[in-house]
Amino acid sequence: MATPILIEVCANSYESALAAQLGGAQRVELCADLVEGGITPSAGMIERVRRDLRIPFNVLIRPRGGDFCYSEAEFDIMKRDILAAQSLGADGVVIGILKPDGTIDVERCSVLVDLARPLSITFHRAFDMSRDLFRAFDDVLKLGVDRLLTSGGRQTAMDGAEVISQLVRQAGEGLILMPGSGIKPDNITTLIQKTRAREFHLSGQKKIGSVMTYKNPLINMGGVPGVPEYEIGVTDADVIRKTVSLAEAEAAVP
């Protein structure tokens, strides 16, 4: 029997999580503020998603944007957010901490792993920002997490496909390698063939206009150049549906 391929959607809102489910995704990574690369969603969002989502979802534990080196206060917040995610019914958490020298902060990550169990645990793309991917890979293995989200240390998973393929082989059955970044229907088949990974991560977003009829042209509240104030990114169920269909077709190839 062919090994199935799982599609995880990075959902930045309640609406995106439901669209992921509608499109046939098998799991959601719930976060907020993808402009910053994703941060921890609110308790209210987690609770509402748990109420209405039938598929599993993991909560991103990241107290802010920017780098992955955190203060003691931020580390305390991460621990509290894990406990909150547990109490609100999340199926898993997504973590990652680096030291200033670009190595994995194994000691602190171990604390988070112990705190999060028995939930599923993903190590996120802090891995891609480490100084030595293969040393970092050994550290992630030692942590005993369930999966590693990675672009192979490059901007996109397509760019890092060769490295991802090597990591998939090294991981064997001990760790799930989940490519992410820049994945879409146009390249999912190629990535499956190149990496031999069995889980993939994408946002599959489209842009929708604000319902505001009055739009103040003088202020950009987000303050991010090039990001329109009156435009919202939301997961497109049709994009997810197409990606899932292509992945299923490729998984069925002998």
C-alpha atoms as a PDB file:
ATOM      1  CA  MET A   1       0.000   0.000   0.000  1.00  0.00           C
ATOM      2  CA  ALA A   2       1.295   3.479  -0.892  1.00  0.00           C
ATOM      3  CA  THR A   3       2.388   5.694   2.004  1.00  0.00           C
ATOM      4  CA  PRO A   4       0.005   8.674   2.261  1.00  0.00           C
ATOM      5  CA  ILE A   5       1.243  12.241   2.159  1.00  0.00           C
ATOM      6  CA  LEU A   6       0.019  14.676   4.789  1.00  0.00           C
ATOM      7  CA  ILE A   7      -0.607  18.335   4.017  1.00  0.00           C
ATOM      8  CA  GLU A   8      -0.340  20.764   6.934  1.00  0.00           C
ATOM      9  CA  VAL A   9      -1.602  24.315   6.489  1.00  0.00           C
ATOM     10  CA  CYS A  10      -0.066  27.296   8.269  1.00  0.00           C
ATOM     11  CA  ALA A  11      -3.267  29.129   9.234  1.00  0.00           C
ATOM     12  CA  ASN A  12      -2.985  32.737  10.383  1.00  0.00           C
ATOM     13  CA  SER A  13      -6.610  33.101  11.483  1.00  0.00           C
ATOM     14  CA  TYR A  14      -9.807  31.275  12.354  1.00  0.00           C
ATOM     15  CA  GLU A  15     -10.989  31.735   8.755  1.00  0.00           C
ATOM     16  CA  SER A  16      -7.744  30.265   7.390  1.00  0.00           C
ATOM     17  CA  ALA A  17      -8.032  27.229   9.682  1.00  0.00           C
ATOM     18  CA  LEU A  18     -11.552  26.491   8.437  1.00  0.00           C
ATOM     19  CA  ALA A  19     -10.466  27.001   4.818  1.00  0.00           C
ATOM     20  CA  ALA A  20      -7.633  24.520   5.364  1.00  0.00           C
ATOM     21  CA  GLN A  21     -10.112  21.954   6.629  1.00  0.00           C
ATOM     22  CA  LEU A  22     -12.502  22.646   3.758  1.00  0.00           C
ATOM     23  CA  GLY A  23      -9.664  22.137   1.277  1.00  0.00           C
ATOM     24  CA  GLY A  24      -8.835  18.709   2.683  1.00  0.00           C
ATOM     25  CA  ALA A  25      -5.721  19.472   4.735  1.00  0.00           C
ATOM     26  CA  GLN A  26      -4.977  16.854   7.353  1.00  0.00           C
ATOM     27  CA  ARG A  27      -3.539  19.231   9.972  1.00  0.00           C
ATOM     28  CA  VAL A  28      -3.241  22.939  10.770  1.00  0.00           C
ATOM     29  CA  GLU A  29      -0.444  24.943  12.330  1.00  0.00           C
ATOM     30  CA  LEU A  30      -2.271  27.801  14.030  1.00  0.00           C
ATOM     31  CA  CYS A  31      -0.460  31.109  14.324  1.00  0.00           C
ATOM     32  CA  ALA A  32      -0.929  34.849  13.950  1.00  0.00           C
ATOM     33  CA  ASP A  33       0.873  37.600  12.033  1.00  0.00           C
ATOM     34  CA  LEU A  34       2.518  35.804   9.125  1.00  0.00           C
ATOM     35  CA  VAL A  35       4.062  39.125   8.070  1.00  0.00           C
ATOM     36  CA  GLU A  36       6.420  38.530  11.038  1.00  0.00           C
ATOM     37  CA  GLY A  37       6.854  34.874  10.117  1.00  0.00           C
ATOM     38  CA  GLY A  38       4.174  33.829  12.598  1.00  0.00           C
ATOM     39  CA  ILE A  39       3.692  34.328  16.333  1.00  0.00           C
ATOM     40  CA  THR A  40       1.565  32.655  19.006  1.00  0.00           C
ATOM     41  CA  PRO A  41      -2.176  33.100  18.398  1.00  0.00           C
ATOM     42  CA  SER A  42      -4.492  34.399  21.086  1.00  0.00           C
ATOM     43  CA  ALA A  43      -6.240  32.159  23.593  1.00  0.00           C
ATOM     44  CA  GLY A  44      -9.537  33.225  22.075  1.00  0.00           C
ATOM     45  CA  MET A  45      -8.461  32.059  18.617  1.00  0.00           C
ATOM     46  CA  ILE A  46      -7.227  28.716  19.931  1.00  0.00           C
ATOM     47  CA  GLU A  47     -10.467  28.131  21.812  1.00  0.00           C
ATOM     48  CA  ARG A  48     -12.681  29.006  18.833  1.00  0.00           C
ATOM     49  CA  VAL A  49     -10.629  26.890  16.432  1.00  0.00           C
ATOM     50  CA  ARG A  50     -10.797  23.942  18.827  1.00  0.00           C
ATOM     51  CA  ARG A  51     -14.574  24.291  18.928  1.00  0.00           C
ATOM     52  CA  ASP A  52     -15.059  24.265  15.154  1.00  0.00           C
ATOM     53  CA  LEU A  53     -12.120  22.334  13.675  1.00  0.00           C
ATOM     54  CA  ARG A  54     -12.405  18.572  13.204  1.00  0.00           C
ATOM     55  CA  ILE A  55      -8.804  18.001  12.067  1.00  0.00           C
ATOM     56  CA  PRO A  56      -5.805  18.208  14.442  1.00  0.00           C
ATOM     57  CA  PHE A  57      -4.051  21.528  14.951  1.00  0.00           C
ATOM     58  CA  ASN A  58      -0.727  22.548  16.460  1.00  0.00           C
ATOM     59  CA  VAL A  59      -0.118  25.943  18.044  1.00  0.00           C
ATOM     60  CA  LEU A  60       2.971  28.003  17.242  1.00  0.00           C
ATOM     61  CA  ILE A  61       4.838  28.984  20.410  1.00  0.00           C
ATOM     62  CA  ARG A  62       6.715  32.137  19.441  1.00  0.00           C
ATOM     63  CA  PRO A  63       6.340  35.246  21.620  1.00  0.00           C
ATOM     64  CA  ARG A  64       7.443  37.774  18.982  1.00  0.00           C
ATOM     65  CA  GLY A  65       8.844  38.238  15.503  1.00  0.00           C
ATOM     66  CA  GLY A  66      12.512  38.749  14.792  1.00  0.00           C
ATOM     67  CA  ASP A  67      15.224  36.312  15.845  1.00  0.00           C
ATOM     68  CA  PHE A  68      14.823  33.111  17.855  1.00  0.00           C
ATOM     69  CA  CYS A  69      16.993  34.059  20.843  1.00  0.00           C
ATOM     70  CA  TYR A  70      14.742  34.861  23.789  1.00  0.00           C
ATOM     71  CA  SER A  71      15.030  36.628  27.132  1.00  0.00           C
ATOM     72  CA  GLU A  72      14.117  34.950  30.414  1.00  0.00           C
ATOM     73  CA  ALA A  73      10.783  36.768  30.378  1.00  0.00           C
ATOM     74  CA  GLU A  74      10.059  35.582  26.837  1.00  0.00           C
ATOM     75  CA  PHE A  75      11.022  32.027  27.774  1.00  0.00           C
ATOM     76  CA  ASP A  76       8.590  32.195  30.683  1.00  0.00           C
ATOM     77  CA  ILE A  77       5.884  33.407  28.300  1.00  0.00           C
ATOM     78  CA  MET A  78       6.575  30.453  25.985  1.00  0.00           C
ATOM     79  CA  LYS A  79       6.113  28.023  28.862  1.00  0.00           C
ATOM     80  CA  ARG A  80       2.858  29.696  29.848  1.00  0.00           C
ATOM     81  CA  ASP A  81       1.650  29.617  26.238  1.00  0.00           C
ATOM     82  CA  ILE A  82       2.322  25.866  26.049  1.00  0.00           C
ATOM     83  CA  LEU A  83       0.239  25.293  29.163  1.00  0.00           C
ATOM     84  CA  ALA A  84      -2.508  27.500  27.731  1.00  0.00           C
ATOM     85  CA  ALA A  85      -2.491  25.592  24.425  1.00  0.00           C
ATOM     86  CA  GLN A  86      -2.752  22.314  26.335  1.00  0.00           C
ATOM     87  CA  SER A  87      -5.659  23.528  28.437  1.00  0.00           C
ATOM     88  CA  LEU A  88      -7.522  24.827  25.377  1.00  0.00           C
ATOM     89  CA  GLY A  89      -7.329  21.502  23.560  1.00  0.00           C
ATOM     90  CA  ALA A  90      -4.522  21.932  21.014  1.00  0.00           C
ATOM     91  CA  ASP A  91      -3.144  18.698  19.577  1.00  0.00           C
ATOM     92  CA  GLY A  92       0.440  19.876  19.478  1.00  0.00           C
ATOM     93  CA  VAL A  93       2.874  22.767  19.725  1.00  0.00           C
ATOM     94  CA  VAL A  94       5.559  24.166  17.445  1.00  0.00           C
ATOM     95  CA  ILE A  95       8.758  25.371  19.136  1.00  0.00           C
ATOM     96  CA  GLY A  96      12.337  26.470  18.550  1.00  0.00           C
ATOM     97  CA  ILE A  97      15.026  28.473  20.362  1.00  0.00           C
ATOM     98  CA  LEU A  98      18.543  29.405  19.274  1.00  0.00           C
ATOM     99  CA  LYS A  99      21.550  30.588  21.264  1.00  0.00           C
ATOM    100  CA  PRO A 100      23.305  33.834  20.227  1.00  0.00           C
ATOM    101  CA  ASP A 101      25.990  31.801  18.414  1.00  0.00           C
ATOM    102  CA  GLY A 102      23.402  30.221  16.098  1.00  0.00           C
ATOM    103  CA  THR A 103      23.283  26.794  17.746  1.00  0.00           C
ATOM    104  CA  ILE A 104      20.132  25.116  19.065  1.00  0.00           C
ATOM    105  CA  ASP A 105      19.408  25.994  22.697  1.00  0.00           C
ATOM    106  CA  VAL A 106      19.037  22.353  23.686  1.00  0.00           C
ATOM    107  CA  GLU A 107      18.626  23.046  27.395  1.00  0.00           C
ATOM    108  CA  ARG A 108      15.723  25.434  27.030  1.00  0.00           C
ATOM    109  CA  CYS A 109      14.091  23.456  24.215  1.00  0.00           C
ATOM    110  CA  SER A 110      14.241  20.342  26.396  1.00  0.00           C
ATOM    111  CA  VAL A 111      12.279  22.180  29.069  1.00  0.00           C
ATOM    112  CA  LEU A 112       9.594  23.054  26.517  1.00  0.00           C
ATOM    113  CA  VAL A 113       9.469  19.495  25.179  1.00  0.00           C
ATOM    114  CA  ASP A 114       9.030  18.037  28.672  1.00  0.00           C
ATOM    115  CA  LEU A 115       6.354  20.605  29.465  1.00  0.00           C
ATOM    116  CA  ALA A 116       4.446  20.003  26.226  1.00  0.00           C
ATOM    117  CA  ARG A 117       4.199  16.215  26.365  1.00  0.00           C
ATOM    118  CA  PRO A 118       2.099  14.253  25.618  1.00  0.00           C
ATOM    119  CA  LEU A 119       1.218  16.733  22.827  1.00  0.00           C
ATOM    120  CA  SER A 120       2.806  16.362  19.403  1.00  0.00           C
ATOM    121  CA  ILE A 121       5.896  18.580  19.017  1.00  0.00           C
ATOM    122  CA  THR A 122       7.310  20.183  15.879  1.00  0.00           C
ATOM    123  CA  PHE A 123      10.649  22.024  15.795  1.00  0.00           C
ATOM    124  CA  HIS A 124      10.162  25.010  13.492  1.00  0.00           C
ATOM    125  CA  ARG A 125      12.352  26.937  11.071  1.00  0.00           C
ATOM    126  CA  ALA A 126      14.591  28.351  13.754  1.00  0.00           C
ATOM    127  CA  PHE A 127      16.485  25.297  12.508  1.00  0.00           C
ATOM    128  CA  ASP A 128      16.983  26.993   9.136  1.00  0.00           C
ATOM    129  CA  MET A 129      18.527  30.025  10.840  1.00  0.00           C
ATOM    130  CA  SER A 130      21.166  27.962  12.666  1.00  0.00           C
ATOM    131  CA  ARG A 131      24.841  28.257  11.746  1.00  0.00           C
ATOM    132  CA  ASP A 132      25.385  24.537  10.988  1.00  0.00           C
ATOM    133  CA  LEU A 133      22.343  22.600   9.782  1.00  0.00           C
ATOM    134  CA  PHE A 134      23.808  19.163  10.372  1.00  0.00           C
ATOM    135  CA  ARG A 135      24.936  19.932  13.920  1.00  0.00           C
ATOM    136  CA  ALA A 136      21.497  21.456  14.512  1.00  0.00           C
ATOM    137  CA  PHE A 137      19.899  18.332  13.070  1.00  0.00           C
ATOM    138  CA  ASP A 138      21.723  16.157  15.608  1.00  0.00           C
ATOM    139  CA  ASP A 139      20.484  18.445  18.387  1.00  0.00           C
ATOM    140  CA  VAL A 140      16.882  18.251  17.157  1.00  0.00           C
ATOM    141  CA  LEU A 141      17.144  14.450  17.112  1.00  0.00           C
ATOM    142  CA  LYS A 142      18.355  14.483  20.718  1.00  0.00           C
ATOM    143  CA  LEU A 143      15.359  16.572  21.754  1.00  0.00           C
ATOM    144  CA  GLY A 144      13.035  13.746  20.753  1.00  0.00           C
ATOM    145  CA  VAL A 145      10.509  15.939  18.935  1.00  0.00           C
ATOM    146  CA  ASP A 146       8.115  14.399  16.433  1.00  0.00           C
ATOM    147  CA  ARG A 147       8.936  16.436  13.350  1.00  0.00           C
ATOM    148  CA  LEU A 148      11.162  19.133  11.909  1.00  0.00           C
ATOM    149  CA  LEU A 149       9.814  21.900   9.682  1.00  0.00           C
ATOM    150  CA  THR A 150      12.525  23.060   7.313  1.00  0.00           C
ATOM    151  CA  SER A 151      13.315  24.696   3.996  1.00  0.00           C
ATOM    152  CA  GLY A 152      16.734  23.053   4.008  1.00  0.00           C
ATOM    153  CA  GLY A 153      18.369  26.257   5.197  1.00  0.00           C
ATOM    154  CA  ARG A 154      17.321  28.159   2.090  1.00  0.00           C
ATOM    155  CA  GLN A 155      14.629  30.737   1.327  1.00  0.00           C
ATOM    156  CA  THR A 156      12.257  28.130  -0.088  1.00  0.00           C
ATOM    157  CA  ALA A 157      11.880  24.375   0.139  1.00  0.00           C
ATOM    158  CA  MET A 158      12.535  24.103  -3.600  1.00  0.00           C
ATOM    159  CA  ASP A 159      15.870  25.876  -3.126  1.00  0.00           C
ATOM    160  CA  GLY A 160      16.737  23.559  -0.241  1.00  0.00           C
ATOM    161  CA  ALA A 161      15.324  20.345  -1.707  1.00  0.00           C
ATOM    162  CA  GLU A 162      18.699  18.601  -1.976  1.00  0.00           C
ATOM    163  CA  VAL A 163      19.514  19.242   1.681  1.00  0.00           C
ATOM    164  CA  ILE A 164      15.997  18.218   2.746  1.00  0.00           C
ATOM    165  CA  SER A 165      16.404  14.961   0.845  1.00  0.00           C
ATOM    166  CA  GLN A 166      19.636  14.269   2.691  1.00  0.00           C
ATOM    167  CA  LEU A 167      18.001  15.029   6.047  1.00  0.00           C
ATOM    168  CA  VAL A 168      15.065  12.732   5.220  1.00  0.00           C
ATOM    169  CA  ARG A 169      17.517   9.899   4.641  1.00  0.00           C
ATOM    170  CA  GLN A 170      19.410  10.652   7.856  1.00  0.00           C
ATOM    171  CA  ALA A 171      16.242  10.853   9.923  1.00  0.00           C
ATOM    172  CA  GLY A 172      14.950   7.453   8.883  1.00  0.00           C
ATOM    173  CA  GLU A 173      12.042   6.505  11.126  1.00  0.00           C
ATOM    174  CA  GLY A 174      13.277   8.604  14.044  1.00  0.00           C
ATOM    175  CA  LEU A 175      12.009  12.005  12.922  1.00  0.00           C
ATOM    176  CA  ILE A 176       9.482  13.335  10.404  1.00  0.00           C
ATOM    177  CA  LEU A 177      10.974  15.872   7.981  1.00  0.00           C
ATOM    178  CA  MET A 178       8.343  18.362   6.842  1.00  0.00           C
ATOM    179  CA  PRO A 179       9.399  20.723   4.031  1.00  0.00           C
ATOM    180  CA  GLY A 180       7.912  24.207   4.183  1.00  0.00           C
ATOM    181  CA  SER A 181       8.260  27.660   2.556  1.00  0.00           C
ATOM    182  CA  GLY A 182       7.116  28.490  -0.936  1.00  0.00           C
ATOM    183  CA  ILE A 183       5.176  25.267  -1.437  1.00  0.00           C
ATOM    184  CA  LYS A 184       2.239  25.443  -3.851  1.00  0.00           C
ATOM    185  CA  PRO A 185       0.401  23.285  -6.358  1.00  0.00           C
ATOM    186  CA  ASP A 186       2.963  24.117  -9.043  1.00  0.00           C
ATOM    187  CA  ASN A 187       5.831  22.454  -7.162  1.00  0.00           C
ATOM    188  CA  ILE A 188       4.362  19.928  -4.704  1.00  0.00           C
ATOM    189  CA  THR A 189       4.828  16.966  -7.071  1.00  0.00           C
ATOM    190  CA  THR A 190       8.451  17.880  -7.773  1.00  0.00           C
ATOM    191  CA  LEU A 191       9.157  18.324  -4.060  1.00  0.00           C
ATOM    192  CA  ILE A 192       7.682  14.948  -3.213  1.00  0.00           C
ATOM    193  CA  GLN A 193       9.842  13.320  -5.862  1.00  0.00           C
ATOM    194  CA  LYS A 194      13.022  15.176  -4.893  1.00  0.00           C
ATOM    195  CA  THR A 195      12.799  14.988  -1.099  1.00  0.00           C
ATOM    196  CA  ARG A 196      10.817  11.776  -0.497  1.00  0.00           C
ATOM    197  CA  ALA A 197       9.238  13.559   2.472  1.00  0.00           C
ATOM    198  CA  ARG A 198       5.741  12.478   3.533  1.00  0.00           C
ATOM    199  CA  GLU A 199       4.499  15.680   5.190  1.00  0.00           C
ATOM    200  CA  PHE A 200       4.424  19.168   3.652  1.00  0.00           C
ATOM    201  CA  HIS A 201       3.620  22.600   5.058  1.00  0.00           C
ATOM    202  CA  LEU A 202       2.135  25.602   3.224  1.00  0.00           C
ATOM    203  CA  SER A 203      -0.136  28.584   3.801  1.00  0.00           C
ATOM    204  CA  GLY A 204      -1.876  28.527   0.396  1.00  0.00           C
ATOM    205  CA  GLN A 205      -3.037  32.103   0.803  1.00  0.00           C
ATOM    206  CA  LYS A 206      -5.001  34.498  -1.312  1.00  0.00           C
ATOM    207  CA  LYS A 207      -5.511  38.212  -0.697  1.00  0.00           C
ATOM    208  CA  ILE A 208      -8.957  39.579   0.009  1.00  0.00           C
ATOM    209  CA  GLY A 209     -10.018  43.179   0.272  1.00  0.00           C
ATOM    210  CA  SER A 210     -11.199  44.819   3.458  1.00  0.00           C
ATOM    211  CA  VAL A 211     -14.940  45.346   3.963  1.00  0.00           C
ATOM    212  CA  MET A 212     -14.190  48.924   5.013  1.00  0.00           C
ATOM    213  CA  THR A 213     -15.958  51.480   2.845  1.00  0.00           C
ATOM    214  CA  TYR A 214     -13.919  54.310   4.366  1.00  0.00           C
ATOM    215  CA  LYS A 215     -10.158  53.937   3.949  1.00  0.00           C
ATOM    216  CA  ASN A 216      -7.765  56.429   5.499  1.00  0.00           C
ATOM    217  CA  PRO A 217      -4.990  56.970   2.931  1.00  0.00           C
ATOM    218  CA  LEU A 218      -2.687  58.788   5.392  1.00  0.00           C
ATOM    219  CA  ILE A 219      -1.866  56.010   7.861  1.00  0.00           C
ATOM    220  CA  ASN A 220      -0.449  52.489   7.694  1.00  0.00           C
ATOM    221  CA  MET A 221      -1.105  50.939  11.110  1.00  0.00           C
ATOM    222  CA  GLY A 222       1.073  47.909  10.429  1.00  0.00           C
ATOM    223  CA  GLY A 223       4.012  50.066   9.423  1.00  0.00           C
ATOM    224  CA  VAL A 224       5.369  47.391   7.076  1.00  0.00           C
ATOM    225  CA  PRO A 225       6.434  48.769   3.673  1.00  0.00           C
ATOM    226  CA  GLY A 226       4.709  47.069   0.774  1.00  0.00           C
ATOM    227  CA  VAL A 227       1.953  45.510   2.895  1.00  0.00           C
ATOM    228  CA  PRO A 228      -1.384  47.101   1.978  1.00  0.00           C
ATOM    229  CA  GLU A 229      -3.400  48.296   4.967  1.00  0.00           C
ATOM    230  CA  TYR A 230      -6.749  47.239   3.534  1.00  0.00           C
ATOM    231  CA  GLU A 231      -5.839  43.757   2.353  1.00  0.00           C
ATOM    232  CA  ILE A 232      -6.052  40.495   4.303  1.00  0.00           C
ATOM    233  CA  GLY A 233      -4.225  37.243   3.626  1.00  0.00           C
ATOM    234  CA  VAL A 234      -6.353  34.135   4.127  1.00  0.00           C
ATOM    235  CA  THR A 235      -5.883  30.477   3.206  1.00  0.00           C
ATOM    236  CA  ASP A 236      -7.554  29.587  -0.092  1.00  0.00           C
ATOM    237  CA  ALA A 237      -9.474  26.296   0.186  1.00  0.00           C
ATOM    238  CA  ASP A 238      -9.138  25.746  -3.574  1.00  0.00           C
ATOM    239  CA  VAL A 239      -5.339  26.004  -3.421  1.00  0.00           C
ATOM    240  CA  ILE A 240      -5.243  23.507  -0.561  1.00  0.00           C
ATOM    241  CA  ARG A 241      -7.652  21.181  -2.348  1.00  0.00           C
ATOM    242  CA  LYS A 242      -5.482  21.192  -5.474  1.00  0.00           C
ATOM    243  CA  THR A 243      -2.305  20.611  -3.456  1.00  0.00           C
ATOM    244  CA  VAL A 244      -3.879  17.710  -1.567  1.00  0.00           C
ATOM    245  CA  SER A 245      -5.135  16.165  -4.809  1.00  0.00           C
ATOM    246  CA  LEU A 246      -1.707  16.376  -6.452  1.00  0.00           C
ATOM    247  CA  ALA A 247      -0.024  14.933  -3.365  1.00  0.00           C
ATOM    248  CA  GLU A 248      -2.482  12.041  -3.264  1.00  0.00           C
ATOM    249  CA  ALA A 249      -1.885  11.334  -6.951  1.00  0.00           C
ATOM    250  CA  GLU A 250       1.875  11.277  -6.469  1.00  0.00           C
ATOM    251  CA  ALA A 251       1.590   9.078  -3.366  1.00  0.00           C
ATOM    252  CA  ALA A 252      -0.366   6.549  -5.414  1.00  0.00           C
ATOM    253  CA  VAL A 253       2.437   6.163  -7.976  1.00  0.00           C
ATOM    254  CA  PRO A 254       4.133   2.759  -7.472  1.00  0.00           C
END
